[in-house]
Amino acid sequence: MGNGKGGRPKKVIKREAATGVRFTKAEYFIVKQKATKAGMKITVYVRTMAVEGYVKARPHPVDKQLEKQLGGMANNINQLTKLAHQKGLLTALLFFEKVKGELHHILNRLRDDQ
């Protein structure tokens, strides 16, 4: 057993200096909410804010889903342009109306989330 091969590997960069920060209950609540929203532990959030001055929040799962849908719509618009060239404007117009409805649906969801 004591051969030193087991356990957690040593960190390349070790944090050696420690400091304490005191918050009022209201301040702590705000910092905790911001850290949670960013998907971070409070200590990581405070350290990142102190060193970098900002925190880039992780994307919300709903945002990723909407981003995927918008990407699909970009493909639909490309198909629409191709269709207009191949089969005429009436067929393209019908397809466009369908895509427009989907886009309005996504935009309304984005407005409701804010």
C-alpha atoms as a PDB file:
ATOM      1  CA  MET A   1       0.000   0.000   0.000  1.00  0.00           C
ATOM      2  CA  GLY A   2       2.199   3.048   0.781  1.00  0.00           C
ATOM      3  CA  ASN A   3       3.994   3.177  -2.592  1.00  0.00           C
ATOM      4  CA  GLY A   4       2.714   6.665  -3.437  1.00  0.00           C
ATOM      5  CA  LYS A   5       1.041   5.605  -6.708  1.00  0.00           C
ATOM      6  CA  GLY A   6      -2.590   5.963  -5.650  1.00  0.00           C
ATOM      7  CA  GLY A   7      -4.766   8.946  -4.956  1.00  0.00           C
ATOM      8  CA  ARG A   8      -5.397  12.195  -6.689  1.00  0.00           C
ATOM      9  CA  PRO A   9      -2.682  13.464  -9.036  1.00  0.00           C
ATOM     10  CA  LYS A  10      -0.824  16.593  -7.962  1.00  0.00           C
ATOM     11  CA  LYS A  11      -2.050  19.868  -9.452  1.00  0.00           C
ATOM     12  CA  VAL A  12       0.271  21.630 -11.871  1.00  0.00           C
ATOM     13  CA  ILE A  13      -0.642  25.034 -10.436  1.00  0.00           C
ATOM     14  CA  LYS A  14      -1.247  25.004  -6.713  1.00  0.00           C
ATOM     15  CA  ARG A  15      -3.206  27.789  -5.042  1.00  0.00           C
ATOM     16  CA  GLU A  16      -1.267  28.643  -1.932  1.00  0.00           C
ATOM     17  CA  ALA A  17      -2.509  32.049  -0.836  1.00  0.00           C
ATOM     18  CA  ALA A  18      -5.894  32.315   0.831  1.00  0.00           C
ATOM     19  CA  THR A  19      -7.977  35.326   1.710  1.00  0.00           C
ATOM     20  CA  GLY A  20     -11.384  35.849   3.210  1.00  0.00           C
ATOM     21  CA  VAL A  21     -14.163  38.027   1.944  1.00  0.00           C
ATOM     22  CA  ARG A  22     -17.062  39.073   4.127  1.00  0.00           C
ATOM     23  CA  PHE A  23     -20.480  39.780   2.658  1.00  0.00           C
ATOM     24  CA  THR A  24     -23.717  41.048   4.107  1.00  0.00           C
ATOM     25  CA  LYS A  25     -26.541  38.557   3.781  1.00  0.00           C
ATOM     26  CA  ALA A  26     -27.931  40.549   0.858  1.00  0.00           C
ATOM     27  CA  GLU A  27     -24.536  40.715  -0.893  1.00  0.00           C
ATOM     28  CA  TYR A  28     -23.965  36.996  -0.342  1.00  0.00           C
ATOM     29  CA  PHE A  29     -27.383  36.196  -1.770  1.00  0.00           C
ATOM     30  CA  ILE A  30     -26.631  38.286  -4.892  1.00  0.00           C
ATOM     31  CA  VAL A  31     -23.182  36.716  -5.388  1.00  0.00           C
ATOM     32  CA  LYS A  32     -24.605  33.223  -4.841  1.00  0.00           C
ATOM     33  CA  GLN A  33     -27.372  33.852  -7.404  1.00  0.00           C
ATOM     34  CA  LYS A  34     -24.862  35.145  -9.975  1.00  0.00           C
ATOM     35  CA  ALA A  35     -22.542  32.177  -9.384  1.00  0.00           C
ATOM     36  CA  THR A  36     -25.432  29.742  -9.767  1.00  0.00           C
ATOM     37  CA  LYS A  37     -26.587  31.460 -12.944  1.00  0.00           C
ATOM     38  CA  ALA A  38     -23.030  31.212 -14.322  1.00  0.00           C
ATOM     39  CA  GLY A  39     -22.879  27.523 -13.324  1.00  0.00           C
ATOM     40  CA  MET A  40     -19.977  28.041 -10.913  1.00  0.00           C
ATOM     41  CA  LYS A  41     -19.195  27.552  -7.248  1.00  0.00           C
ATOM     42  CA  ILE A  42     -19.098  30.805  -5.302  1.00  0.00           C
ATOM     43  CA  THR A  43     -15.335  30.671  -4.725  1.00  0.00           C
ATOM     44  CA  VAL A  44     -14.622  30.100  -8.417  1.00  0.00           C
ATOM     45  CA  TYR A  45     -17.034  32.907  -9.348  1.00  0.00           C
ATOM     46  CA  VAL A  46     -15.453  35.403  -6.915  1.00  0.00           C
ATOM     47  CA  ARG A  47     -11.901  34.452  -7.988  1.00  0.00           C
ATOM     48  CA  THR A  48     -12.771  34.778 -11.692  1.00  0.00           C
ATOM     49  CA  MET A  49     -14.435  38.141 -11.156  1.00  0.00           C
ATOM     50  CA  ALA A  50     -11.472  39.404  -9.119  1.00  0.00           C
ATOM     51  CA  VAL A  51      -8.833  38.270 -11.616  1.00  0.00           C
ATOM     52  CA  GLU A  52     -10.590  38.693 -14.972  1.00  0.00           C
ATOM     53  CA  GLY A  53     -13.232  41.294 -14.134  1.00  0.00           C
ATOM     54  CA  TYR A  54     -16.069  39.352 -15.772  1.00  0.00           C
ATOM     55  CA  VAL A  55     -17.626  35.908 -15.908  1.00  0.00           C
ATOM     56  CA  LYS A  56     -18.934  34.350 -19.065  1.00  0.00           C
ATOM     57  CA  ALA A  57     -22.050  32.448 -18.065  1.00  0.00           C
ATOM     58  CA  ARG A  58     -22.559  29.005 -19.501  1.00  0.00           C
ATOM     59  CA  PRO A  59     -25.311  28.833 -22.103  1.00  0.00           C
ATOM     60  CA  HIS A  60     -28.746  27.883 -20.864  1.00  0.00           C
ATOM     61  CA  PRO A  61     -30.046  24.550 -22.271  1.00  0.00           C
ATOM     62  CA  VAL A  62     -33.016  26.380 -23.803  1.00  0.00           C
ATOM     63  CA  ASP A  63     -30.604  28.755 -25.575  1.00  0.00           C
ATOM     64  CA  LYS A  64     -28.755  25.799 -27.091  1.00  0.00           C
ATOM     65  CA  GLN A  65     -32.043  24.314 -28.307  1.00  0.00           C
ATOM     66  CA  LEU A  66     -33.094  27.627 -29.865  1.00  0.00           C
ATOM     67  CA  GLU A  67     -29.657  28.054 -31.427  1.00  0.00           C
ATOM     68  CA  LYS A  68     -30.012  24.618 -33.020  1.00  0.00           C
ATOM     69  CA  GLN A  69     -33.472  25.504 -34.335  1.00  0.00           C
ATOM     70  CA  LEU A  70     -32.200  28.786 -35.797  1.00  0.00           C
ATOM     71  CA  GLY A  71     -29.367  26.904 -37.505  1.00  0.00           C
ATOM     72  CA  GLY A  72     -31.931  24.572 -39.031  1.00  0.00           C
ATOM     73  CA  MET A  73     -33.888  27.558 -40.262  1.00  0.00           C
ATOM     74  CA  ALA A  74     -30.795  28.986 -41.913  1.00  0.00           C
ATOM     75  CA  ASN A  75     -30.580  25.709 -43.825  1.00  0.00           C
ATOM     76  CA  ASN A  76     -34.266  26.021 -44.715  1.00  0.00           C
ATOM     77  CA  ILE A  77     -33.691  29.509 -46.121  1.00  0.00           C
ATOM     78  CA  ASN A  78     -30.865  28.167 -48.273  1.00  0.00           C
ATOM     79  CA  GLN A  79     -33.190  25.411 -49.509  1.00  0.00           C
ATOM     80  CA  LEU A  80     -35.839  28.045 -50.162  1.00  0.00           C
ATOM     81  CA  THR A  81     -33.504  30.027 -52.391  1.00  0.00           C
ATOM     82  CA  LYS A  82     -32.550  26.887 -54.288  1.00  0.00           C
ATOM     83  CA  LEU A  83     -36.216  25.905 -54.636  1.00  0.00           C
ATOM     84  CA  ALA A  84     -37.116  29.335 -55.985  1.00  0.00           C
ATOM     85  CA  HIS A  85     -34.476  28.973 -58.677  1.00  0.00           C
ATOM     86  CA  GLN A  86     -35.514  25.418 -59.593  1.00  0.00           C
ATOM     87  CA  LYS A  87     -39.316  25.296 -59.305  1.00  0.00           C
ATOM     88  CA  GLY A  88     -40.495  28.876 -59.303  1.00  0.00           C
ATOM     89  CA  LEU A  89     -41.565  31.465 -56.827  1.00  0.00           C
ATOM     90  CA  LEU A  90     -44.994  30.095 -55.824  1.00  0.00           C
ATOM     91  CA  THR A  91     -43.555  26.854 -54.405  1.00  0.00           C
ATOM     92  CA  ALA A  92     -40.807  28.829 -52.682  1.00  0.00           C
ATOM     93  CA  LEU A  93     -43.342  31.268 -51.226  1.00  0.00           C
ATOM     94  CA  LEU A  94     -45.354  28.440 -49.616  1.00  0.00           C
ATOM     95  CA  PHE A  95     -42.188  27.001 -48.090  1.00  0.00           C
ATOM     96  CA  PHE A  96     -41.153  30.456 -46.890  1.00  0.00           C
ATOM     97  CA  GLU A  97     -44.483  30.977 -45.086  1.00  0.00           C
ATOM     98  CA  LYS A  98     -43.898  27.740 -43.160  1.00  0.00           C
ATOM     99  CA  VAL A  99     -40.367  28.812 -42.149  1.00  0.00           C
ATOM    100  CA  LYS A 100     -41.611  32.288 -41.215  1.00  0.00           C
ATOM    101  CA  GLY A 101     -44.162  30.758 -38.830  1.00  0.00           C
ATOM    102  CA  GLU A 102     -41.467  28.656 -37.144  1.00  0.00           C
ATOM    103  CA  LEU A 103     -39.234  31.709 -36.791  1.00  0.00           C
ATOM    104  CA  HIS A 104     -42.026  33.750 -35.180  1.00  0.00           C
ATOM    105  CA  HIS A 105     -42.604  30.896 -32.727  1.00  0.00           C
ATOM    106  CA  ILE A 106     -38.919  30.890 -31.683  1.00  0.00           C
ATOM    107  CA  LEU A 107     -38.765  34.681 -31.390  1.00  0.00           C
ATOM    108  CA  ASN A 108     -41.846  34.655 -29.149  1.00  0.00           C
ATOM    109  CA  ARG A 109     -40.209  32.026 -26.914  1.00  0.00           C
ATOM    110  CA  LEU A 110     -37.095  34.173 -26.655  1.00  0.00           C
ATOM    111  CA  ARG A 111     -39.163  37.218 -25.677  1.00  0.00           C
ATOM    112  CA  ASP A 112     -41.056  35.203 -23.040  1.00  0.00           C
ATOM    113  CA  ASP A 113     -37.784  34.005 -21.444  1.00  0.00           C
ATOM    114  CA  GLN A 114     -36.531  37.555 -20.867  1.00  0.00           C
END
